[in-house]
C-alpha atoms as a PDB file:
ATOM      1  CA  UNK A   1      81.992 115.395 171.370  1.00  0.00           C
ATOM      2  CA  UNK A   2      85.550 116.703 171.610  1.00  0.00           C
ATOM      3  CA  UNK A   3      86.128 120.428 172.020  1.00  0.00           C
ATOM      4  CA  UNK A   4      87.126 122.177 168.806  1.00  0.00           C
ATOM      5  CA  UNK A   5      90.343 124.132 169.343  1.00  0.00           C
ATOM      6  CA  UNK A   6      91.280 127.085 167.178  1.00  0.00           C
ATOM      7  CA  UNK A   7      94.671 126.852 165.529  1.00  0.00           C
ATOM      8  CA  UNK A   8      96.809 129.666 164.169  1.00  0.00           C
ATOM      9  CA  UNK A   9      99.936 130.137 162.101  1.00  0.00           C
ATOM     10  CA  UNK A  10     102.878 131.800 163.817  1.00  0.00           C
ATOM     11  CA  UNK A  11     106.385 131.386 165.186  1.00  0.00           C
ATOM     12  CA  UNK A  12     107.877 129.094 167.800  1.00  0.00           C
ATOM     13  CA  UNK A  13     111.114 129.759 169.663  1.00  0.00           C
ATOM     14  CA  UNK A  14     112.546 126.614 171.307  1.00  0.00           C
ATOM     15  CA  UNK A  15     115.836 126.542 173.287  1.00  0.00           C
ATOM     16  CA  UNK A  16     118.666 124.663 171.582  1.00  0.00           C
ATOM     17  CA  UNK A  17     120.577 123.034 174.436  1.00  0.00           C
ATOM     18  CA  UNK A  18     122.563 120.388 172.495  1.00  0.00           C
ATOM     19  CA  UNK A  19     120.696 117.642 174.342  1.00  0.00           C
ATOM     20  CA  UNK A  20     118.549 114.732 173.171  1.00  0.00           C
ATOM     21  CA  UNK A  21     115.320 116.764 173.174  1.00  0.00           C
ATOM     22  CA  UNK A  22     116.825 119.640 171.139  1.00  0.00           C
ATOM     23  CA  UNK A  23     118.344 117.342 168.516  1.00  0.00           C
ATOM     24  CA  UNK A  24     115.181 115.226 168.179  1.00  0.00           C
ATOM     25  CA  UNK A  25     113.007 118.338 167.868  1.00  0.00           C
ATOM     26  CA  UNK A  26     115.283 119.787 165.190  1.00  0.00           C
ATOM     27  CA  UNK A  27     115.082 116.574 163.143  1.00  0.00           C
ATOM     28  CA  UNK A  28     111.297 116.494 163.539  1.00  0.00           C
ATOM     29  CA  UNK A  29     110.861 120.084 162.391  1.00  0.00           C
ATOM     30  CA  UNK A  30     113.257 119.752 159.466  1.00  0.00           C
ATOM     31  CA  UNK A  31     111.020 117.040 157.990  1.00  0.00           C
ATOM     32  CA  UNK A  32     107.649 118.463 159.107  1.00  0.00           C
ATOM     33  CA  UNK A  33     105.219 119.851 156.523  1.00  0.00           C
ATOM     34  CA  UNK A  34     103.863 122.120 159.265  1.00  0.00           C
ATOM     35  CA  UNK A  35     107.186 124.006 159.473  1.00  0.00           C
ATOM     36  CA  UNK A  36     107.720 126.528 156.662  1.00  0.00           C
ATOM     37  CA  UNK A  37     111.085 127.944 157.760  1.00  0.00           C
ATOM     38  CA  UNK A  38     113.528 126.899 160.471  1.00  0.00           C
ATOM     39  CA  UNK A  39     116.445 128.961 161.804  1.00  0.00           C
ATOM     40  CA  UNK A  40     119.228 128.670 164.368  1.00  0.00           C
ATOM     41  CA  UNK A  41     119.390 131.982 166.265  1.00  0.00           C
ATOM     42  CA  UNK A  42     120.880 133.934 169.142  1.00  0.00           C
ATOM     43  CA  UNK A  43     118.170 135.279 171.431  1.00  0.00           C
ATOM     44  CA  UNK A  44     118.486 138.521 173.428  1.00  0.00           C
ATOM     45  CA  UNK A  45     115.817 139.483 175.947  1.00  0.00           C
ATOM     46  CA  UNK A  46     115.316 143.156 176.732  1.00  0.00           C
ATOM     47  CA  UNK A  47     115.899 144.506 180.238  1.00  0.00           C
ATOM     48  CA  UNK A  48     112.131 145.071 180.486  1.00  0.00           C
ATOM     49  CA  UNK A  49     111.280 141.424 179.850  1.00  0.00           C
ATOM     50  CA  UNK A  50     114.193 139.630 181.556  1.00  0.00           C
ATOM     51  CA  UNK A  51     112.569 139.580 185.036  1.00  0.00           C
ATOM     52  CA  UNK A  52     109.688 137.507 183.622  1.00  0.00           C
ATOM     53  CA  UNK A  53     111.932 134.965 181.867  1.00  0.00           C
ATOM     54  CA  UNK A  54     114.738 134.124 184.270  1.00  0.00           C
ATOM     55  CA  UNK A  55     115.399 130.732 182.652  1.00  0.00           C
ATOM     56  CA  UNK A  56     116.178 132.095 179.183  1.00  0.00           C
ATOM     57  CA  UNK A  57     118.723 130.411 176.891  1.00  0.00           C
ATOM     58  CA  UNK A  58     121.295 131.973 174.553  1.00  0.00           C
ATOM     59  CA  UNK A  59     120.544 129.890 171.479  1.00  0.00           C
ATOM     60  CA  UNK A  60     117.175 128.915 170.048  1.00  0.00           C
ATOM     61  CA  UNK A  61     115.573 127.308 167.057  1.00  0.00           C
ATOM     62  CA  UNK A  62     112.948 129.563 165.523  1.00  0.00           C
ATOM     63  CA  UNK A  63     110.354 128.002 163.246  1.00  0.00           C
ATOM     64  CA  UNK A  64     107.583 129.602 161.232  1.00  0.00           C
ATOM     65  CA  UNK A  65     104.631 127.224 161.390  1.00  0.00           C
ATOM     66  CA  UNK A  66     101.208 126.754 159.794  1.00  0.00           C
ATOM     67  CA  UNK A  67      99.329 125.072 162.661  1.00  0.00           C
ATOM     68  CA  UNK A  68      99.831 125.904 166.349  1.00  0.00           C
ATOM     69  CA  UNK A  69      98.151 122.674 167.502  1.00  0.00           C
ATOM     70  CA  UNK A  70     100.866 120.498 165.909  1.00  0.00           C
ATOM     71  CA  UNK A  71     103.623 122.683 167.375  1.00  0.00           C
ATOM     72  CA  UNK A  72     102.072 122.357 170.834  1.00  0.00           C
ATOM     73  CA  UNK A  73     102.171 118.557 170.548  1.00  0.00           C
ATOM     74  CA  UNK A  74     105.845 118.688 169.479  1.00  0.00           C
ATOM     75  CA  UNK A  75     106.823 120.871 172.440  1.00  0.00           C
ATOM     76  CA  UNK A  76     104.942 118.640 174.889  1.00  0.00           C
ATOM     77  CA  UNK A  77     106.833 115.619 173.596  1.00  0.00           C
ATOM     78  CA  UNK A  78     110.247 117.334 173.681  1.00  0.00           C
ATOM     79  CA  UNK A  79     109.661 119.568 176.721  1.00  0.00           C
ATOM     80  CA  UNK A  80     112.788 121.116 178.271  1.00  0.00           C
ATOM     81  CA  UNK A  81     113.955 122.869 181.442  1.00  0.00           C
ATOM     82  CA  UNK A  82     114.243 126.210 179.644  1.00  0.00           C
ATOM     83  CA  UNK A  83     111.124 127.910 178.287  1.00  0.00           C
ATOM     84  CA  UNK A  84     109.857 127.573 174.717  1.00  0.00           C
ATOM     85  CA  UNK A  85     107.735 130.425 173.348  1.00  0.00           C
ATOM     86  CA  UNK A  86     104.874 130.054 170.869  1.00  0.00           C
ATOM     87  CA  UNK A  87     103.680 133.222 169.136  1.00  0.00           C
ATOM     88  CA  UNK A  88     100.233 132.591 167.618  1.00  0.00           C
ATOM     89  CA  UNK A  89      99.529 135.134 164.879  1.00  0.00           C
ATOM     90  CA  UNK A  90      95.772 135.720 164.785  1.00  0.00           C
ATOM     91  CA  UNK A  91      96.017 139.079 162.995  1.00  0.00           C
ATOM     92  CA  UNK A  92      98.395 139.019 160.028  1.00  0.00           C
ATOM     93  CA  UNK A  93      99.181 142.730 159.594  1.00  0.00           C
ATOM     94  CA  UNK A  94     101.018 142.215 156.288  1.00  0.00           C
ATOM     95  CA  UNK A  95     103.493 140.036 154.398  1.00  0.00           C
ATOM     96  CA  UNK A  96     105.324 141.171 151.275  1.00  0.00           C
ATOM     97  CA  UNK A  97     108.137 140.306 148.916  1.00  0.00           C
ATOM     98  CA  UNK A  98     111.447 141.877 149.965  1.00  0.00           C
ATOM     99  CA  UNK A  99     114.776 141.147 148.304  1.00  0.00           C
ATOM    100  CA  UNK A 100     117.197 139.083 150.381  1.00  0.00           C
ATOM    101  CA  UNK A 101     116.801 136.591 153.221  1.00  0.00           C
ATOM    102  CA  UNK A 102     115.204 137.174 156.630  1.00  0.00           C
ATOM    103  CA  UNK A 103     118.057 137.676 159.108  1.00  0.00           C
ATOM    104  CA  UNK A 104     116.278 139.069 162.175  1.00  0.00           C
ATOM    105  CA  UNK A 105     113.001 138.479 164.026  1.00  0.00           C
ATOM    106  CA  UNK A 106     111.910 140.977 166.662  1.00  0.00           C
ATOM    107  CA  UNK A 107     109.143 140.410 169.222  1.00  0.00           C
ATOM    108  CA  UNK A 108     107.335 143.249 171.027  1.00  0.00           C
ATOM    109  CA  UNK A 109     104.426 143.553 173.418  1.00  0.00           C
ATOM    110  CA  UNK A 110     101.822 146.280 173.732  1.00  0.00           C
ATOM    111  CA  UNK A 111     100.922 147.497 177.182  1.00  0.00           C
ATOM    112  CA  UNK A 112      97.501 148.373 175.796  1.00  0.00           C
ATOM    113  CA  UNK A 113      95.989 148.628 172.340  1.00  0.00           C
ATOM    114  CA  UNK A 114      92.638 149.349 170.684  1.00  0.00           C
ATOM    115  CA  UNK A 115      91.781 148.440 167.068  1.00  0.00           C
ATOM    116  CA  UNK A 116      92.797 151.875 165.758  1.00  0.00           C
ATOM    117  CA  UNK A 117      96.183 151.462 167.487  1.00  0.00           C
ATOM    118  CA  UNK A 118      96.799 148.223 165.596  1.00  0.00           C
ATOM    119  CA  UNK A 119      95.995 149.928 162.307  1.00  0.00           C
ATOM    120  CA  UNK A 120      98.464 152.686 163.195  1.00  0.00           C
ATOM    121  CA  UNK A 121     101.179 150.125 164.042  1.00  0.00           C
ATOM    122  CA  UNK A 122     100.589 148.339 160.717  1.00  0.00           C
ATOM    123  CA  UNK A 123     100.905 151.700 158.919  1.00  0.00           C
ATOM    124  CA  UNK A 124     104.203 152.503 160.707  1.00  0.00           C
ATOM    125  CA  UNK A 125     105.660 149.064 159.960  1.00  0.00           C
ATOM    126  CA  UNK A 126     104.604 149.204 156.300  1.00  0.00           C
ATOM    127  CA  UNK A 127     106.707 152.355 155.868  1.00  0.00           C
ATOM    128  CA  UNK A 128     109.808 150.468 157.077  1.00  0.00           C
ATOM    129  CA  UNK A 129     111.047 148.939 153.829  1.00  0.00           C
ATOM    130  CA  UNK A 130     113.175 146.200 155.474  1.00  0.00           C
ATOM    131  CA  UNK A 131     110.197 144.741 157.375  1.00  0.00           C
ATOM    132  CA  UNK A 132     109.128 141.676 155.394  1.00  0.00           C
ATOM    133  CA  UNK A 133     106.212 140.549 157.571  1.00  0.00           C
ATOM    134  CA  UNK A 134     104.370 141.679 160.693  1.00  0.00           C
ATOM    135  CA  UNK A 135     101.701 140.038 162.785  1.00  0.00           C
ATOM    136  CA  UNK A 136      99.807 140.509 166.010  1.00  0.00           C
ATOM    137  CA  UNK A 137      98.836 137.711 168.323  1.00  0.00           C
ATOM    138  CA  UNK A 138      99.293 135.967 171.641  1.00  0.00           C
ATOM    139  CA  UNK A 139     102.064 134.047 173.377  1.00  0.00           C
ATOM    140  CA  UNK A 140     102.058 130.627 175.040  1.00  0.00           C
ATOM    141  CA  UNK A 141     104.967 129.218 177.034  1.00  0.00           C
ATOM    142  CA  UNK A 142     106.007 125.580 177.462  1.00  0.00           C
ATOM    143  CA  UNK A 143     108.490 124.451 180.119  1.00  0.00           C
ATOM    144  CA  UNK A 144     109.043 121.533 182.498  1.00  0.00           C
ATOM    145  CA  UNK A 145     109.080 124.040 185.381  1.00  0.00           C
ATOM    146  CA  UNK A 146     106.613 126.894 184.655  1.00  0.00           C
ATOM    147  CA  UNK A 147     107.583 130.418 185.700  1.00  0.00           C
ATOM    148  CA  UNK A 148     106.383 131.737 189.054  1.00  0.00           C
ATOM    149  CA  UNK A 149     105.582 135.084 187.429  1.00  0.00           C
ATOM    150  CA  UNK A 150     102.770 135.607 184.925  1.00  0.00           C
ATOM    151  CA  UNK A 151     103.722 137.701 181.915  1.00  0.00           C
ATOM    152  CA  UNK A 152     100.892 140.280 181.825  1.00  0.00           C
ATOM    153  CA  UNK A 153     101.052 141.172 178.108  1.00  0.00           C
ATOM    154  CA  UNK A 154     100.929 137.730 176.480  1.00  0.00           C
ATOM    155  CA  UNK A 155      97.736 138.560 174.561  1.00  0.00           C
ATOM    156  CA  UNK A 156      99.229 141.630 172.815  1.00  0.00           C
ATOM    157  CA  UNK A 157     102.342 140.394 171.015  1.00  0.00           C
ATOM    158  CA  UNK A 158     103.760 141.906 167.801  1.00  0.00           C
ATOM    159  CA  UNK A 159     106.246 139.878 165.719  1.00  0.00           C
ATOM    160  CA  UNK A 160     108.185 141.311 162.769  1.00  0.00           C
ATOM    161  CA  UNK A 161     110.554 139.694 160.273  1.00  0.00           C
ATOM    162  CA  UNK A 162     113.367 141.908 158.978  1.00  0.00           C
ATOM    163  CA  UNK A 163     115.458 141.425 155.842  1.00  0.00           C
ATOM    164  CA  UNK A 164     118.803 143.205 155.621  1.00  0.00           C
ATOM    165  CA  UNK A 165     122.297 142.743 154.231  1.00  0.00           C
ATOM    166  CA  UNK A 166     123.727 144.547 157.261  1.00  0.00           C
ATOM    167  CA  UNK A 167     124.987 143.050 160.529  1.00  0.00           C
ATOM    168  CA  UNK A 168     122.770 142.166 163.463  1.00  0.00           C
ATOM    169  CA  UNK A 169     123.713 145.228 165.532  1.00  0.00           C
ATOM    170  CA  UNK A 170     122.696 147.489 162.651  1.00  0.00           C
ATOM    171  CA  UNK A 171     119.387 145.643 162.203  1.00  0.00           C
ATOM    172  CA  UNK A 172     118.722 145.809 165.947  1.00  0.00           C
ATOM    173  CA  UNK A 173     119.139 149.620 165.797  1.00  0.00           C
ATOM    174  CA  UNK A 174     116.760 149.683 162.820  1.00  0.00           C
ATOM    175  CA  UNK A 175     114.157 147.804 164.872  1.00  0.00           C
ATOM    176  CA  UNK A 176     114.736 150.103 167.838  1.00  0.00           C
ATOM    177  CA  UNK A 177     114.085 153.124 165.601  1.00  0.00           C
ATOM    178  CA  UNK A 178     110.865 151.450 164.406  1.00  0.00           C
ATOM    179  CA  UNK A 179     109.773 150.973 168.031  1.00  0.00           C
ATOM    180  CA  UNK A 180     110.541 154.616 168.816  1.00  0.00           C
ATOM    181  CA  UNK A 181     108.458 155.717 165.799  1.00  0.00           C
ATOM    182  CA  UNK A 182     105.497 153.798 167.257  1.00  0.00           C
ATOM    183  CA  UNK A 183     106.046 155.209 170.747  1.00  0.00           C
ATOM    184  CA  UNK A 184     106.134 158.775 169.396  1.00  0.00           C
ATOM    185  CA  UNK A 185     102.605 158.137 168.106  1.00  0.00           C
ATOM    186  CA  UNK A 186     101.563 157.239 171.652  1.00  0.00           C
ATOM    187  CA  UNK A 187     101.677 153.465 171.083  1.00  0.00           C
ATOM    188  CA  UNK A 188     103.597 151.821 173.921  1.00  0.00           C
ATOM    189  CA  UNK A 189     105.408 149.057 172.045  1.00  0.00           C
ATOM    190  CA  UNK A 190     108.125 147.434 174.205  1.00  0.00           C
ATOM    191  CA  UNK A 191     110.835 145.094 172.951  1.00  0.00           C
ATOM    192  CA  UNK A 192     110.601 141.632 174.470  1.00  0.00           C
ATOM    193  CA  UNK A 193     112.998 139.495 172.456  1.00  0.00           C
ATOM    194  CA  UNK A 194     115.436 139.984 169.567  1.00  0.00           C
ATOM    195  CA  UNK A 195     116.369 136.934 167.476  1.00  0.00           C
ATOM    196  CA  UNK A 196     119.503 137.205 165.333  1.00  0.00           C
ATOM    197  CA  UNK A 197     119.505 134.499 162.660  1.00  0.00           C
ATOM    198  CA  UNK A 198     122.833 132.658 162.467  1.00  0.00           C
ATOM    199  CA  UNK A 199     121.879 129.844 160.091  1.00  0.00           C
ATOM    200  CA  UNK A 200     118.898 128.757 158.037  1.00  0.00           C
ATOM    201  CA  UNK A 201     118.135 125.097 158.706  1.00  0.00           C
ATOM    202  CA  UNK A 202     115.104 124.805 156.416  1.00  0.00           C
END
């Protein structure tokens, strides 16, 4: 009997390197029923997380998916030299209607966190009116040459979607203020990756 694997919804961040694998993966995801939204983005890693991800790229495709198992198969088929990140959301903090289009996705990690801390984070994020969705989960990485360093916080990842008419620098400051609000409550939430949406592909 085959082992039953749990699957989750979430986000995947795959490097767009203008090569065969990137183009084929984009075409696959644009026609896939598993992919809800697909964006072309600029990715910026924080100074705290850069040492763990030395092979980062500048441009990525970010997809919001329904089933992590299917995404894993896609990344295995179109594996690349630079790391792809899969954020499995196993605790959907909230999702709500906000006017306008998502133009920023911010990824954080918690250095520790009990259940009451997660409830506090959800409460803080709910008060930020530009935050469209927030989820907590874990991170998997896919790469042809795996990193020598293990990222120690991959099981405590927070992902938020932000909707704003303002420019990316302004939205990044908004997210930074949100992080500081959490830290003032004693919740050590550290920025890992900021994704500025340049174009919606799907």
